[in-house]
């Protein structure tokens, strides 16, 4: 079967207007040429699609069945071409999803450094929790995902369908506001209970903190006074002196430097985290594939945030 796209578009127009002359004007061809193209379509599909004995013309039963397929094909092709043109107009901007803390505290400096290795890189960033980000990646609704690697996840992403590589090794550290002497107001080395600023149950970072404290007596001394899924929310409460919290170090670098926050415990309380960049290999987008190949050739100091 040898079908031309213009024949399908002609047939859809004829089904809408029920007039050869009106359809020919709409398709910017002469009526004889339009009629020949409809004949060619009928020959290609091996069935009479139009009843020419009536005015206005009607579709035969075969035509009524085929017009559904023709409309779907024309619409799908139009949507696809529109999408491709949109990508070209947007200079192949990449859709990236990232965990909230990464979007706010990590991404700006990392993407700026990365562009020194790959050049200008238009992106659209959407912040969401890790679970939602994984769902978006699985559905092929983003180009890249920036997320914490979770070696204890019950459902791991298949490495062939969702390849990734490490872009940073970071730490989550316990912090508190300082007291008048500059020491932590809430120290993990102190005795007695401590007000605890906790991640909510479903948050990835919260699971990392719970695993650290799982078999430690400190867990019994931490009394939750506030919880949220976002590290920035815990940081805000910590700055108000509400308690102790574990925050990714890149989120609080300036606060530690200016002594607005201090460490609440030694390095034994740090939690190592790995940040990885993921893509879905089942979605073939030339711009993403070219970028991925270029990233794999870059020195690690361009990929990893300083």
C-alpha atoms as a PDB file:
ATOM      1  CA  UNK A   1       0.000   0.000   0.000  1.00  0.00           C
ATOM      2  CA  UNK A   2       1.400   3.364  -1.056  1.00  0.00           C
ATOM      3  CA  UNK A   3      -0.452   6.237   0.648  1.00  0.00           C
ATOM      4  CA  UNK A   4       0.472   9.881   0.431  1.00  0.00           C
ATOM      5  CA  UNK A   5      -0.171  12.133   3.395  1.00  0.00           C
ATOM      6  CA  UNK A   6      -1.816  14.770   1.216  1.00  0.00           C
ATOM      7  CA  UNK A   7      -4.422  12.223   0.108  1.00  0.00           C
ATOM      8  CA  UNK A   8      -5.402  11.608   3.737  1.00  0.00           C
ATOM      9  CA  UNK A   9      -5.664  15.351   4.320  1.00  0.00           C
ATOM     10  CA  UNK A  10      -7.772  15.680   1.159  1.00  0.00           C
ATOM     11  CA  UNK A  11     -10.122  12.945   2.326  1.00  0.00           C
ATOM     12  CA  UNK A  12     -10.542  14.488   5.787  1.00  0.00           C
ATOM     13  CA  UNK A  13     -11.358  17.826   4.135  1.00  0.00           C
ATOM     14  CA  UNK A  14     -13.931  16.160   1.870  1.00  0.00           C
ATOM     15  CA  UNK A  15     -15.511  14.372   4.823  1.00  0.00           C
ATOM     16  CA  UNK A  16     -15.889  17.741   6.540  1.00  0.00           C
ATOM     17  CA  UNK A  17     -17.231  19.787   3.602  1.00  0.00           C
ATOM     18  CA  UNK A  18     -19.096  17.055   1.653  1.00  0.00           C
ATOM     19  CA  UNK A  19     -18.197  19.053  -1.475  1.00  0.00           C
ATOM     20  CA  UNK A  20     -15.449  18.426  -4.015  1.00  0.00           C
ATOM     21  CA  UNK A  21     -15.350  22.085  -5.081  1.00  0.00           C
ATOM     22  CA  UNK A  22     -15.225  23.450  -1.520  1.00  0.00           C
ATOM     23  CA  UNK A  23     -12.584  20.911  -0.525  1.00  0.00           C
ATOM     24  CA  UNK A  24     -10.479  21.736  -3.587  1.00  0.00           C
ATOM     25  CA  UNK A  25     -10.518  25.439  -2.639  1.00  0.00           C
ATOM     26  CA  UNK A  26      -9.610  24.586   0.914  1.00  0.00           C
ATOM     27  CA  UNK A  27      -6.706  22.443  -0.283  1.00  0.00           C
ATOM     28  CA  UNK A  28      -5.566  25.071  -2.821  1.00  0.00           C
ATOM     29  CA  UNK A  29      -5.819  22.786  -5.868  1.00  0.00           C
ATOM     30  CA  UNK A  30      -8.118  22.620  -8.856  1.00  0.00           C
ATOM     31  CA  UNK A  31     -11.210  20.478  -8.576  1.00  0.00           C
ATOM     32  CA  UNK A  32     -10.053  17.982 -11.259  1.00  0.00           C
ATOM     33  CA  UNK A  33      -6.713  17.552  -9.454  1.00  0.00           C
ATOM     34  CA  UNK A  34      -8.509  17.112  -6.132  1.00  0.00           C
ATOM     35  CA  UNK A  35     -10.826  14.482  -7.641  1.00  0.00           C
ATOM     36  CA  UNK A  36      -7.849  12.570  -9.033  1.00  0.00           C
ATOM     37  CA  UNK A  37      -6.189  12.502  -5.605  1.00  0.00           C
ATOM     38  CA  UNK A  38      -9.340  11.090  -3.985  1.00  0.00           C
ATOM     39  CA  UNK A  39      -9.427   8.433  -6.723  1.00  0.00           C
ATOM     40  CA  UNK A  40      -5.788   7.609  -6.053  1.00  0.00           C
ATOM     41  CA  UNK A  41      -6.574   7.193  -2.351  1.00  0.00           C
ATOM     42  CA  UNK A  42      -9.453   4.837  -3.112  1.00  0.00           C
ATOM     43  CA  UNK A  43      -7.226   2.770  -5.374  1.00  0.00           C
ATOM     44  CA  UNK A  44      -4.531   2.599  -2.716  1.00  0.00           C
ATOM     45  CA  UNK A  45      -6.909   1.343   0.001  1.00  0.00           C
ATOM     46  CA  UNK A  46      -8.816  -0.882  -2.434  1.00  0.00           C
ATOM     47  CA  UNK A  47     -12.287   0.429  -1.625  1.00  0.00           C
ATOM     48  CA  UNK A  48     -14.738   3.122  -2.731  1.00  0.00           C
ATOM     49  CA  UNK A  49     -14.792   5.715   0.007  1.00  0.00           C
ATOM     50  CA  UNK A  50     -17.113   8.367  -1.449  1.00  0.00           C
ATOM     51  CA  UNK A  51     -20.627   8.076  -2.883  1.00  0.00           C
ATOM     52  CA  UNK A  52     -20.573  10.616  -5.706  1.00  0.00           C
ATOM     53  CA  UNK A  53     -24.220  10.064  -6.709  1.00  0.00           C
ATOM     54  CA  UNK A  54     -25.576  12.254  -3.912  1.00  0.00           C
ATOM     55  CA  UNK A  55     -25.465  16.002  -3.314  1.00  0.00           C
ATOM     56  CA  UNK A  56     -23.847  16.787  -1.035  1.00  0.00           C
ATOM     57  CA  UNK A  57     -21.538  13.794  -1.398  1.00  0.00           C
ATOM     58  CA  UNK A  58     -21.630  11.154   1.319  1.00  0.00           C
ATOM     59  CA  UNK A  59     -19.168   8.599   2.557  1.00  0.00           C
ATOM     60  CA  UNK A  60     -19.695   4.927   1.847  1.00  0.00           C
ATOM     61  CA  UNK A  61     -19.675   2.538   4.819  1.00  0.00           C
ATOM     62  CA  UNK A  62     -16.007   1.878   4.013  1.00  0.00           C
ATOM     63  CA  UNK A  63     -15.395   5.620   3.898  1.00  0.00           C
ATOM     64  CA  UNK A  64     -17.097   6.154   7.261  1.00  0.00           C
ATOM     65  CA  UNK A  65     -14.814   3.549   8.770  1.00  0.00           C
ATOM     66  CA  UNK A  66     -11.659   4.823   7.083  1.00  0.00           C
ATOM     67  CA  UNK A  67     -12.209   8.489   7.917  1.00  0.00           C
ATOM     68  CA  UNK A  68     -11.687   7.715  11.617  1.00  0.00           C
ATOM     69  CA  UNK A  69      -8.248   6.309  10.883  1.00  0.00           C
ATOM     70  CA  UNK A  70      -7.448   9.121   8.454  1.00  0.00           C
ATOM     71  CA  UNK A  71      -8.339  11.816  11.023  1.00  0.00           C
ATOM     72  CA  UNK A  72      -6.229  10.123  13.701  1.00  0.00           C
ATOM     73  CA  UNK A  73      -3.232   9.844  11.395  1.00  0.00           C
ATOM     74  CA  UNK A  74      -3.487  13.456  10.234  1.00  0.00           C
ATOM     75  CA  UNK A  75      -3.889  14.754  13.811  1.00  0.00           C
ATOM     76  CA  UNK A  76      -1.026  12.655  15.172  1.00  0.00           C
ATOM     77  CA  UNK A  77       1.280  13.757  12.378  1.00  0.00           C
ATOM     78  CA  UNK A  78       0.314  17.394  12.911  1.00  0.00           C
ATOM     79  CA  UNK A  79       0.948  17.155  16.658  1.00  0.00           C
ATOM     80  CA  UNK A  80       4.299  15.463  16.124  1.00  0.00           C
ATOM     81  CA  UNK A  81       5.464  18.068  13.614  1.00  0.00           C
ATOM     82  CA  UNK A  82       4.284  20.857  15.897  1.00  0.00           C
ATOM     83  CA  UNK A  83       6.233  19.337  18.766  1.00  0.00           C
ATOM     84  CA  UNK A  84       9.381  19.071  16.661  1.00  0.00           C
ATOM     85  CA  UNK A  85       9.039  22.662  15.483  1.00  0.00           C
ATOM     86  CA  UNK A  86       8.514  23.736  19.074  1.00  0.00           C
ATOM     87  CA  UNK A  87      11.706  22.008  20.127  1.00  0.00           C
ATOM     88  CA  UNK A  88      13.593  23.705  17.344  1.00  0.00           C
ATOM     89  CA  UNK A  89      12.166  27.107  18.281  1.00  0.00           C
ATOM     90  CA  UNK A  90      13.067  26.538  21.905  1.00  0.00           C
ATOM     91  CA  UNK A  91      16.630  25.682  20.848  1.00  0.00           C
ATOM     92  CA  UNK A  92      16.078  22.166  22.124  1.00  0.00           C
ATOM     93  CA  UNK A  93      15.583  23.294  25.722  1.00  0.00           C
ATOM     94  CA  UNK A  94      15.898  20.388  28.124  1.00  0.00           C
ATOM     95  CA  UNK A  95      13.144  19.555  30.596  1.00  0.00           C
ATOM     96  CA  UNK A  96      14.787  18.639  33.893  1.00  0.00           C
ATOM     97  CA  UNK A  97      13.074  17.509  37.083  1.00  0.00           C
ATOM     98  CA  UNK A  98      14.890  17.667  40.405  1.00  0.00           C
ATOM     99  CA  UNK A  99      14.278  17.158  44.096  1.00  0.00           C
ATOM    100  CA  UNK A 100      13.289  20.405  45.826  1.00  0.00           C
ATOM    101  CA  UNK A 101      16.529  20.787  47.783  1.00  0.00           C
ATOM    102  CA  UNK A 102      18.596  20.120  44.646  1.00  0.00           C
ATOM    103  CA  UNK A 103      16.568  22.579  42.576  1.00  0.00           C
ATOM    104  CA  UNK A 104      17.094  25.355  45.124  1.00  0.00           C
ATOM    105  CA  UNK A 105      20.527  24.737  46.591  1.00  0.00           C
ATOM    106  CA  UNK A 106      22.484  22.609  44.115  1.00  0.00           C
ATOM    107  CA  UNK A 107      21.239  23.104  40.557  1.00  0.00           C
ATOM    108  CA  UNK A 108      22.107  26.787  39.909  1.00  0.00           C
ATOM    109  CA  UNK A 109      25.829  26.441  40.629  1.00  0.00           C
ATOM    110  CA  UNK A 110      26.048  22.991  39.068  1.00  0.00           C
ATOM    111  CA  UNK A 111      24.413  23.940  35.752  1.00  0.00           C
ATOM    112  CA  UNK A 112      26.525  27.104  35.572  1.00  0.00           C
ATOM    113  CA  UNK A 113      29.693  25.070  35.992  1.00  0.00           C
ATOM    114  CA  UNK A 114      28.498  22.423  33.544  1.00  0.00           C
ATOM    115  CA  UNK A 115      27.952  25.013  30.828  1.00  0.00           C
ATOM    116  CA  UNK A 116      31.654  25.824  30.934  1.00  0.00           C
ATOM    117  CA  UNK A 117      32.191  22.356  29.512  1.00  0.00           C
ATOM    118  CA  UNK A 118      29.292  22.031  27.062  1.00  0.00           C
ATOM    119  CA  UNK A 119      28.453  25.628  26.192  1.00  0.00           C
ATOM    120  CA  UNK A 120      25.052  27.297  26.370  1.00  0.00           C
ATOM    121  CA  UNK A 121      22.454  24.856  27.656  1.00  0.00           C
ATOM    122  CA  UNK A 122      18.811  26.067  27.680  1.00  0.00           C
ATOM    123  CA  UNK A 123      16.843  24.230  30.374  1.00  0.00           C
ATOM    124  CA  UNK A 124      13.414  24.173  32.016  1.00  0.00           C
ATOM    125  CA  UNK A 125      13.615  23.032  35.635  1.00  0.00           C
ATOM    126  CA  UNK A 126      10.720  21.645  37.669  1.00  0.00           C
ATOM    127  CA  UNK A 127      11.115  20.910  41.388  1.00  0.00           C
ATOM    128  CA  UNK A 128       9.209  17.982  42.906  1.00  0.00           C
ATOM    129  CA  UNK A 129       9.689  15.230  45.440  1.00  0.00           C
ATOM    130  CA  UNK A 130      11.878  12.301  44.443  1.00  0.00           C
ATOM    131  CA  UNK A 131       8.995   9.841  44.057  1.00  0.00           C
ATOM    132  CA  UNK A 132       7.123  12.124  41.663  1.00  0.00           C
ATOM    133  CA  UNK A 133      10.320  12.857  39.740  1.00  0.00           C
ATOM    134  CA  UNK A 134      10.920   9.144  39.191  1.00  0.00           C
ATOM    135  CA  UNK A 135       7.340   8.746  37.954  1.00  0.00           C
ATOM    136  CA  UNK A 136       7.776  11.623  35.487  1.00  0.00           C
ATOM    137  CA  UNK A 137      11.021  10.064  34.218  1.00  0.00           C
ATOM    138  CA  UNK A 138       9.413   6.621  33.846  1.00  0.00           C
ATOM    139  CA  UNK A 139       6.562   8.118  31.825  1.00  0.00           C
ATOM    140  CA  UNK A 140       8.994   9.857  29.485  1.00  0.00           C
ATOM    141  CA  UNK A 141       7.680  13.307  30.457  1.00  0.00           C
ATOM    142  CA  UNK A 142      11.093  14.836  31.148  1.00  0.00           C
ATOM    143  CA  UNK A 143      14.515  14.685  29.533  1.00  0.00           C
ATOM    144  CA  UNK A 144      16.704  14.414  32.619  1.00  0.00           C
ATOM    145  CA  UNK A 145      16.263  13.839  36.338  1.00  0.00           C
ATOM    146  CA  UNK A 146      18.599  15.148  39.023  1.00  0.00           C
ATOM    147  CA  UNK A 147      18.077  13.138  42.189  1.00  0.00           C
ATOM    148  CA  UNK A 148      19.704  11.594  45.214  1.00  0.00           C
ATOM    149  CA  UNK A 149      20.795   8.016  44.654  1.00  0.00           C
ATOM    150  CA  UNK A 150      18.982   5.689  47.012  1.00  0.00           C
ATOM    151  CA  UNK A 151      20.812   2.350  47.377  1.00  0.00           C
ATOM    152  CA  UNK A 152      18.105   1.119  49.760  1.00  0.00           C
ATOM    153  CA  UNK A 153      15.121   1.832  47.492  1.00  0.00           C
ATOM    154  CA  UNK A 154      12.724  -1.096  47.182  1.00  0.00           C
ATOM    155  CA  UNK A 155      12.177  -0.323  43.483  1.00  0.00           C
ATOM    156  CA  UNK A 156      15.430   0.455  41.704  1.00  0.00           C
ATOM    157  CA  UNK A 157      15.455   2.083  38.278  1.00  0.00           C
ATOM    158  CA  UNK A 158      16.628  -0.334  35.612  1.00  0.00           C
ATOM    159  CA  UNK A 159      20.146   0.776  34.647  1.00  0.00           C
ATOM    160  CA  UNK A 160      19.671  -0.044  30.954  1.00  0.00           C
ATOM    161  CA  UNK A 161      16.372   1.794  30.537  1.00  0.00           C
ATOM    162  CA  UNK A 162      17.419   4.613  32.886  1.00  0.00           C
ATOM    163  CA  UNK A 163      21.189   5.125  32.642  1.00  0.00           C
ATOM    164  CA  UNK A 164      22.805   7.547  35.067  1.00  0.00           C
ATOM    165  CA  UNK A 165      26.102   8.824  36.357  1.00  0.00           C
ATOM    166  CA  UNK A 166      27.256  10.524  39.528  1.00  0.00           C
ATOM    167  CA  UNK A 167      27.514  14.319  39.514  1.00  0.00           C
ATOM    168  CA  UNK A 168      28.340  14.949  43.185  1.00  0.00           C
ATOM    169  CA  UNK A 169      29.184  13.367  46.523  1.00  0.00           C
ATOM    170  CA  UNK A 170      27.723  15.529  49.299  1.00  0.00           C
ATOM    171  CA  UNK A 171      26.915  15.314  52.990  1.00  0.00           C
ATOM    172  CA  UNK A 172      23.903  15.969  55.164  1.00  0.00           C
ATOM    173  CA  UNK A 173      24.979  17.461  58.499  1.00  0.00           C
ATOM    174  CA  UNK A 174      23.224  18.140  61.816  1.00  0.00           C
ATOM    175  CA  UNK A 175      22.864  21.848  62.520  1.00  0.00           C
ATOM    176  CA  UNK A 176      21.565  24.238  65.163  1.00  0.00           C
ATOM    177  CA  UNK A 177      21.597  27.953  65.855  1.00  0.00           C
ATOM    178  CA  UNK A 178      24.564  28.989  68.030  1.00  0.00           C
ATOM    179  CA  UNK A 179      24.192  30.203  71.601  1.00  0.00           C
ATOM    180  CA  UNK A 180      25.890  33.313  72.980  1.00  0.00           C
ATOM    181  CA  UNK A 181      29.192  31.461  73.243  1.00  0.00           C
ATOM    182  CA  UNK A 182      29.042  30.283  69.627  1.00  0.00           C
ATOM    183  CA  UNK A 183      28.373  26.672  70.587  1.00  0.00           C
ATOM    184  CA  UNK A 184      25.287  24.845  69.256  1.00  0.00           C
ATOM    185  CA  UNK A 185      22.133  25.669  71.211  1.00  0.00           C
ATOM    186  CA  UNK A 186      21.071  22.063  70.632  1.00  0.00           C
ATOM    187  CA  UNK A 187      24.052  19.724  70.782  1.00  0.00           C
ATOM    188  CA  UNK A 188      23.849  16.031  69.960  1.00  0.00           C
ATOM    189  CA  UNK A 189      26.524  15.468  72.617  1.00  0.00           C
ATOM    190  CA  UNK A 190      24.343  16.896  75.388  1.00  0.00           C
ATOM    191  CA  UNK A 191      22.144  14.821  77.665  1.00  0.00           C
ATOM    192  CA  UNK A 192      18.382  15.044  77.825  1.00  0.00           C
ATOM    193  CA  UNK A 193      15.822  15.532  75.089  1.00  0.00           C
ATOM    194  CA  UNK A 194      16.338  17.705  72.011  1.00  0.00           C
ATOM    195  CA  UNK A 195      13.715  19.455  69.860  1.00  0.00           C
ATOM    196  CA  UNK A 196      13.909  17.722  66.494  1.00  0.00           C
ATOM    197  CA  UNK A 197      13.052  19.227  63.113  1.00  0.00           C
ATOM    198  CA  UNK A 198      12.112  16.164  61.099  1.00  0.00           C
ATOM    199  CA  UNK A 199      11.479  15.253  57.485  1.00  0.00           C
ATOM    200  CA  UNK A 200       8.008  13.902  56.853  1.00  0.00           C
ATOM    201  CA  UNK A 201       7.507  10.181  56.466  1.00  0.00           C
ATOM    202  CA  UNK A 202       7.724   9.923  52.680  1.00  0.00           C
ATOM    203  CA  UNK A 203      10.724  12.213  52.175  1.00  0.00           C
ATOM    204  CA  UNK A 204      13.906  10.595  50.865  1.00  0.00           C
ATOM    205  CA  UNK A 205      16.181  12.633  53.127  1.00  0.00           C
ATOM    206  CA  UNK A 206      14.066  11.621  56.093  1.00  0.00           C
ATOM    207  CA  UNK A 207      14.720   7.954  55.361  1.00  0.00           C
ATOM    208  CA  UNK A 208      18.456   8.647  55.359  1.00  0.00           C
ATOM    209  CA  UNK A 209      18.226  10.299  58.787  1.00  0.00           C
ATOM    210  CA  UNK A 210      16.109   7.454  60.186  1.00  0.00           C
ATOM    211  CA  UNK A 211      18.640   4.886  58.979  1.00  0.00           C
ATOM    212  CA  UNK A 212      21.452   6.795  60.699  1.00  0.00           C
ATOM    213  CA  UNK A 213      19.538   6.881  63.992  1.00  0.00           C
ATOM    214  CA  UNK A 214      17.935   3.439  63.714  1.00  0.00           C
ATOM    215  CA  UNK A 215      20.070   1.723  66.342  1.00  0.00           C
ATOM    216  CA  UNK A 216      21.442   4.745  68.168  1.00  0.00           C
ATOM    217  CA  UNK A 217      20.250   5.848  71.642  1.00  0.00           C
ATOM    218  CA  UNK A 218      20.076   9.433  70.354  1.00  0.00           C
ATOM    219  CA  UNK A 219      16.876   8.506  68.533  1.00  0.00           C
ATOM    220  CA  UNK A 220      15.030   8.276  71.852  1.00  0.00           C
ATOM    221  CA  UNK A 221      16.134  11.779  72.881  1.00  0.00           C
ATOM    222  CA  UNK A 222      14.917  13.527  69.729  1.00  0.00           C
ATOM    223  CA  UNK A 223      11.419  14.922  70.215  1.00  0.00           C
ATOM    224  CA  UNK A 224       9.799  15.992  66.942  1.00  0.00           C
ATOM    225  CA  UNK A 225       8.472  19.553  67.130  1.00  0.00           C
ATOM    226  CA  UNK A 226       8.075  20.183  63.402  1.00  0.00           C
ATOM    227  CA  UNK A 227       8.180  18.198  60.186  1.00  0.00           C
ATOM    228  CA  UNK A 228       8.094  18.881  56.468  1.00  0.00           C
ATOM    229  CA  UNK A 229       9.240  17.160  53.276  1.00  0.00           C
ATOM    230  CA  UNK A 230      11.525  20.037  52.254  1.00  0.00           C
ATOM    231  CA  UNK A 231      15.032  20.720  53.519  1.00  0.00           C
ATOM    232  CA  UNK A 232      14.541  24.470  53.027  1.00  0.00           C
ATOM    233  CA  UNK A 233      11.570  24.334  55.394  1.00  0.00           C
ATOM    234  CA  UNK A 234      13.660  22.666  58.092  1.00  0.00           C
ATOM    235  CA  UNK A 235      16.464  25.140  57.513  1.00  0.00           C
ATOM    236  CA  UNK A 236      14.053  28.032  58.035  1.00  0.00           C
ATOM    237  CA  UNK A 237      12.847  26.605  61.341  1.00  0.00           C
ATOM    238  CA  UNK A 238      16.417  25.885  62.437  1.00  0.00           C
ATOM    239  CA  UNK A 239      17.364  29.512  61.784  1.00  0.00           C
ATOM    240  CA  UNK A 240      14.504  30.516  64.081  1.00  0.00           C
ATOM    241  CA  UNK A 241      16.032  28.416  66.849  1.00  0.00           C
ATOM    242  CA  UNK A 242      13.290  25.782  66.834  1.00  0.00           C
ATOM    243  CA  UNK A 243      15.582  22.750  67.089  1.00  0.00           C
ATOM    244  CA  UNK A 244      18.175  20.520  65.471  1.00  0.00           C
ATOM    245  CA  UNK A 245      17.924  19.263  61.878  1.00  0.00           C
ATOM    246  CA  UNK A 246      19.926  17.367  59.280  1.00  0.00           C
ATOM    247  CA  UNK A 247      20.371  19.508  56.147  1.00  0.00           C
ATOM    248  CA  UNK A 248      22.391  18.936  52.950  1.00  0.00           C
ATOM    249  CA  UNK A 249      25.579  20.944  53.353  1.00  0.00           C
ATOM    250  CA  UNK A 250      25.193  22.788  50.042  1.00  0.00           C
ATOM    251  CA  UNK A 251      21.916  24.273  51.354  1.00  0.00           C
ATOM    252  CA  UNK A 252      23.567  25.842  54.390  1.00  0.00           C
ATOM    253  CA  UNK A 253      27.087  26.683  53.201  1.00  0.00           C
ATOM    254  CA  UNK A 254      26.600  30.450  53.571  1.00  0.00           C
ATOM    255  CA  UNK A 255      24.806  30.079  56.904  1.00  0.00           C
ATOM    256  CA  UNK A 256      27.691  28.051  58.314  1.00  0.00           C
ATOM    257  CA  UNK A 257      30.230  30.509  56.914  1.00  0.00           C
ATOM    258  CA  UNK A 258      28.489  33.503  58.516  1.00  0.00           C
ATOM    259  CA  UNK A 259      27.860  31.568  61.730  1.00  0.00           C
ATOM    260  CA  UNK A 260      24.082  31.844  61.502  1.00  0.00           C
ATOM    261  CA  UNK A 261      24.085  28.070  61.935  1.00  0.00           C
ATOM    262  CA  UNK A 262      26.664  25.736  63.468  1.00  0.00           C
ATOM    263  CA  UNK A 263      27.206  22.013  63.463  1.00  0.00           C
ATOM    264  CA  UNK A 264      25.261  20.267  66.206  1.00  0.00           C
ATOM    265  CA  UNK A 265      27.606  17.280  66.313  1.00  0.00           C
ATOM    266  CA  UNK A 266      30.837  15.790  65.000  1.00  0.00           C
ATOM    267  CA  UNK A 267      31.459  14.197  61.624  1.00  0.00           C
ATOM    268  CA  UNK A 268      30.268  10.826  62.926  1.00  0.00           C
ATOM    269  CA  UNK A 269      26.746  12.248  62.549  1.00  0.00           C
ATOM    270  CA  UNK A 270      27.213  13.195  58.889  1.00  0.00           C
ATOM    271  CA  UNK A 271      25.207  11.329  56.260  1.00  0.00           C
ATOM    272  CA  UNK A 272      26.886  10.797  52.859  1.00  0.00           C
ATOM    273  CA  UNK A 273      24.693  11.402  49.811  1.00  0.00           C
ATOM    274  CA  UNK A 274      25.286  10.797  46.133  1.00  0.00           C
ATOM    275  CA  UNK A 275      23.596  12.944  43.488  1.00  0.00           C
ATOM    276  CA  UNK A 276      23.044  11.351  40.090  1.00  0.00           C
ATOM    277  CA  UNK A 277      21.802  12.536  36.710  1.00  0.00           C
ATOM    278  CA  UNK A 278      19.348  10.162  35.007  1.00  0.00           C
ATOM    279  CA  UNK A 279      17.782   9.881  31.562  1.00  0.00           C
ATOM    280  CA  UNK A 280      15.307   7.502  29.931  1.00  0.00           C
ATOM    281  CA  UNK A 281      16.994   5.644  27.055  1.00  0.00           C
ATOM    282  CA  UNK A 282      13.591   4.596  25.686  1.00  0.00           C
ATOM    283  CA  UNK A 283      12.853   8.201  24.678  1.00  0.00           C
ATOM    284  CA  UNK A 284      14.907   9.201  21.649  1.00  0.00           C
ATOM    285  CA  UNK A 285      15.441  12.938  21.571  1.00  0.00           C
ATOM    286  CA  UNK A 286      18.492  13.932  19.504  1.00  0.00           C
ATOM    287  CA  UNK A 287      19.408  16.884  21.714  1.00  0.00           C
ATOM    288  CA  UNK A 288      19.406  14.755  24.870  1.00  0.00           C
ATOM    289  CA  UNK A 289      21.412  11.973  23.243  1.00  0.00           C
ATOM    290  CA  UNK A 290      24.033  14.410  21.977  1.00  0.00           C
ATOM    291  CA  UNK A 291      24.302  16.047  25.405  1.00  0.00           C
ATOM    292  CA  UNK A 292      24.580  12.678  27.152  1.00  0.00           C
ATOM    293  CA  UNK A 293      27.503  11.651  24.941  1.00  0.00           C
ATOM    294  CA  UNK A 294      29.242  14.970  25.556  1.00  0.00           C
ATOM    295  CA  UNK A 295      28.765  14.712  29.317  1.00  0.00           C
ATOM    296  CA  UNK A 296      30.353  11.269  29.375  1.00  0.00           C
ATOM    297  CA  UNK A 297      33.486  12.702  27.743  1.00  0.00           C
ATOM    298  CA  UNK A 298      33.876  15.633  30.136  1.00  0.00           C
ATOM    299  CA  UNK A 299      36.450  15.617  32.959  1.00  0.00           C
ATOM    300  CA  UNK A 300      34.850  14.886  36.317  1.00  0.00           C
ATOM    301  CA  UNK A 301      35.607  18.393  37.618  1.00  0.00           C
ATOM    302  CA  UNK A 302      33.107  19.781  35.085  1.00  0.00           C
ATOM    303  CA  UNK A 303      30.418  17.317  36.111  1.00  0.00           C
ATOM    304  CA  UNK A 304      30.807  17.475  39.861  1.00  0.00           C
ATOM    305  CA  UNK A 305      29.821  20.552  41.798  1.00  0.00           C
ATOM    306  CA  UNK A 306      32.759  22.126  43.668  1.00  0.00           C
END
